[in-house]
């Protein structure tokens, strides 16, 4: 499930839904801002996940 929420399919689906809502509510600028926020949060999540993986692998190496 973790991979699904970071996948391209999920991001595309969310952006389409936000785009439809933005079109009908005439909030196009908000749509772009939310899109940028989603991209930034996804990048932050990926970096934090990589850091956690590196810390876990270094802890395992220290135990050996």
C-alpha atoms as a PDB file:
ATOM      1  CA  UNK A   1       0.000   0.000   0.000  1.00  0.00           C
ATOM      2  CA  UNK A   2       2.955   2.291   0.647  1.00  0.00           C
ATOM      3  CA  UNK A   3       4.017   2.107  -2.994  1.00  0.00           C
ATOM      4  CA  UNK A   4       0.509   2.876  -4.225  1.00  0.00           C
ATOM      5  CA  UNK A   5       0.306   6.278  -2.555  1.00  0.00           C
ATOM      6  CA  UNK A   6       3.679   7.307  -3.985  1.00  0.00           C
ATOM      7  CA  UNK A   7       2.994   5.938  -7.467  1.00  0.00           C
ATOM      8  CA  UNK A   8       2.450   7.957 -10.607  1.00  0.00           C
ATOM      9  CA  UNK A   9      -1.040   6.513 -11.044  1.00  0.00           C
ATOM     10  CA  UNK A  10      -2.145   7.800  -7.635  1.00  0.00           C
ATOM     11  CA  UNK A  11      -0.614  11.242  -8.235  1.00  0.00           C
ATOM     12  CA  UNK A  12      -2.304  11.467 -11.637  1.00  0.00           C
ATOM     13  CA  UNK A  13      -5.659  10.475 -10.154  1.00  0.00           C
ATOM     14  CA  UNK A  14      -5.390  13.064  -7.387  1.00  0.00           C
ATOM     15  CA  UNK A  15      -4.412  15.797  -9.850  1.00  0.00           C
ATOM     16  CA  UNK A  16      -7.324  14.936 -12.156  1.00  0.00           C
ATOM     17  CA  UNK A  17      -9.797  15.074  -9.271  1.00  0.00           C
ATOM     18  CA  UNK A  18      -8.342  18.378  -8.060  1.00  0.00           C
ATOM     19  CA  UNK A  19      -8.444  19.709 -11.626  1.00  0.00           C
ATOM     20  CA  UNK A  20     -12.122  18.834 -12.035  1.00  0.00           C
ATOM     21  CA  UNK A  21     -12.984  20.442  -8.712  1.00  0.00           C
ATOM     22  CA  UNK A  22     -10.904  23.513  -9.591  1.00  0.00           C
ATOM     23  CA  UNK A  23     -12.594  23.831 -12.987  1.00  0.00           C
ATOM     24  CA  UNK A  24     -16.101  23.847 -11.542  1.00  0.00           C
ATOM     25  CA  UNK A  25     -15.250  26.143  -8.638  1.00  0.00           C
ATOM     26  CA  UNK A  26     -13.121  28.493 -10.810  1.00  0.00           C
ATOM     27  CA  UNK A  27     -10.121  28.047  -8.514  1.00  0.00           C
ATOM     28  CA  UNK A  28      -7.409  27.328 -11.084  1.00  0.00           C
ATOM     29  CA  UNK A  29      -4.670  29.121  -9.126  1.00  0.00           C
ATOM     30  CA  UNK A  30      -5.497  27.026  -6.064  1.00  0.00           C
ATOM     31  CA  UNK A  31      -5.244  23.913  -8.244  1.00  0.00           C
ATOM     32  CA  UNK A  32      -1.707  24.808  -9.288  1.00  0.00           C
ATOM     33  CA  UNK A  33      -0.714  25.672  -5.732  1.00  0.00           C
ATOM     34  CA  UNK A  34      -2.065  22.358  -4.420  1.00  0.00           C
ATOM     35  CA  UNK A  35      -0.263  20.558  -7.231  1.00  0.00           C
ATOM     36  CA  UNK A  36       3.037  22.143  -6.228  1.00  0.00           C
ATOM     37  CA  UNK A  37       2.408  21.284  -2.579  1.00  0.00           C
ATOM     38  CA  UNK A  38       1.686  17.650  -3.469  1.00  0.00           C
ATOM     39  CA  UNK A  39       4.886  17.435  -5.514  1.00  0.00           C
ATOM     40  CA  UNK A  40       6.945  18.997  -2.714  1.00  0.00           C
ATOM     41  CA  UNK A  41       5.455  16.718  -0.047  1.00  0.00           C
ATOM     42  CA  UNK A  42       6.081  13.661  -2.221  1.00  0.00           C
ATOM     43  CA  UNK A  43       9.718  14.681  -2.655  1.00  0.00           C
ATOM     44  CA  UNK A  44      10.128  15.282   1.087  1.00  0.00           C
ATOM     45  CA  UNK A  45       8.572  11.883   1.812  1.00  0.00           C
ATOM     46  CA  UNK A  46      10.975  10.192  -0.601  1.00  0.00           C
ATOM     47  CA  UNK A  47      14.017  11.871   0.950  1.00  0.00           C
ATOM     48  CA  UNK A  48      12.916  10.990   4.490  1.00  0.00           C
ATOM     49  CA  UNK A  49      12.310   7.401   3.403  1.00  0.00           C
ATOM     50  CA  UNK A  50      15.836   7.209   1.940  1.00  0.00           C
ATOM     51  CA  UNK A  51      17.327   8.646   5.136  1.00  0.00           C
ATOM     52  CA  UNK A  52      15.409   6.128   7.255  1.00  0.00           C
ATOM     53  CA  UNK A  53      16.626   3.294   5.014  1.00  0.00           C
ATOM     54  CA  UNK A  54      20.245   4.436   5.379  1.00  0.00           C
ATOM     55  CA  UNK A  55      19.935   4.727   9.155  1.00  0.00           C
ATOM     56  CA  UNK A  56      18.381   1.258   9.375  1.00  0.00           C
ATOM     57  CA  UNK A  57      21.114  -0.286   7.240  1.00  0.00           C
ATOM     58  CA  UNK A  58      23.871   1.404   9.246  1.00  0.00           C
ATOM     59  CA  UNK A  59      22.302   0.183  12.509  1.00  0.00           C
ATOM     60  CA  UNK A  60      22.215  -3.363  11.158  1.00  0.00           C
ATOM     61  CA  UNK A  61      25.869  -3.140  10.152  1.00  0.00           C
ATOM     62  CA  UNK A  62      26.802  -1.876  13.625  1.00  0.00           C
ATOM     63  CA  UNK A  63      25.093  -4.865  15.255  1.00  0.00           C
ATOM     64  CA  UNK A  64      27.096  -7.331  13.182  1.00  0.00           C
END
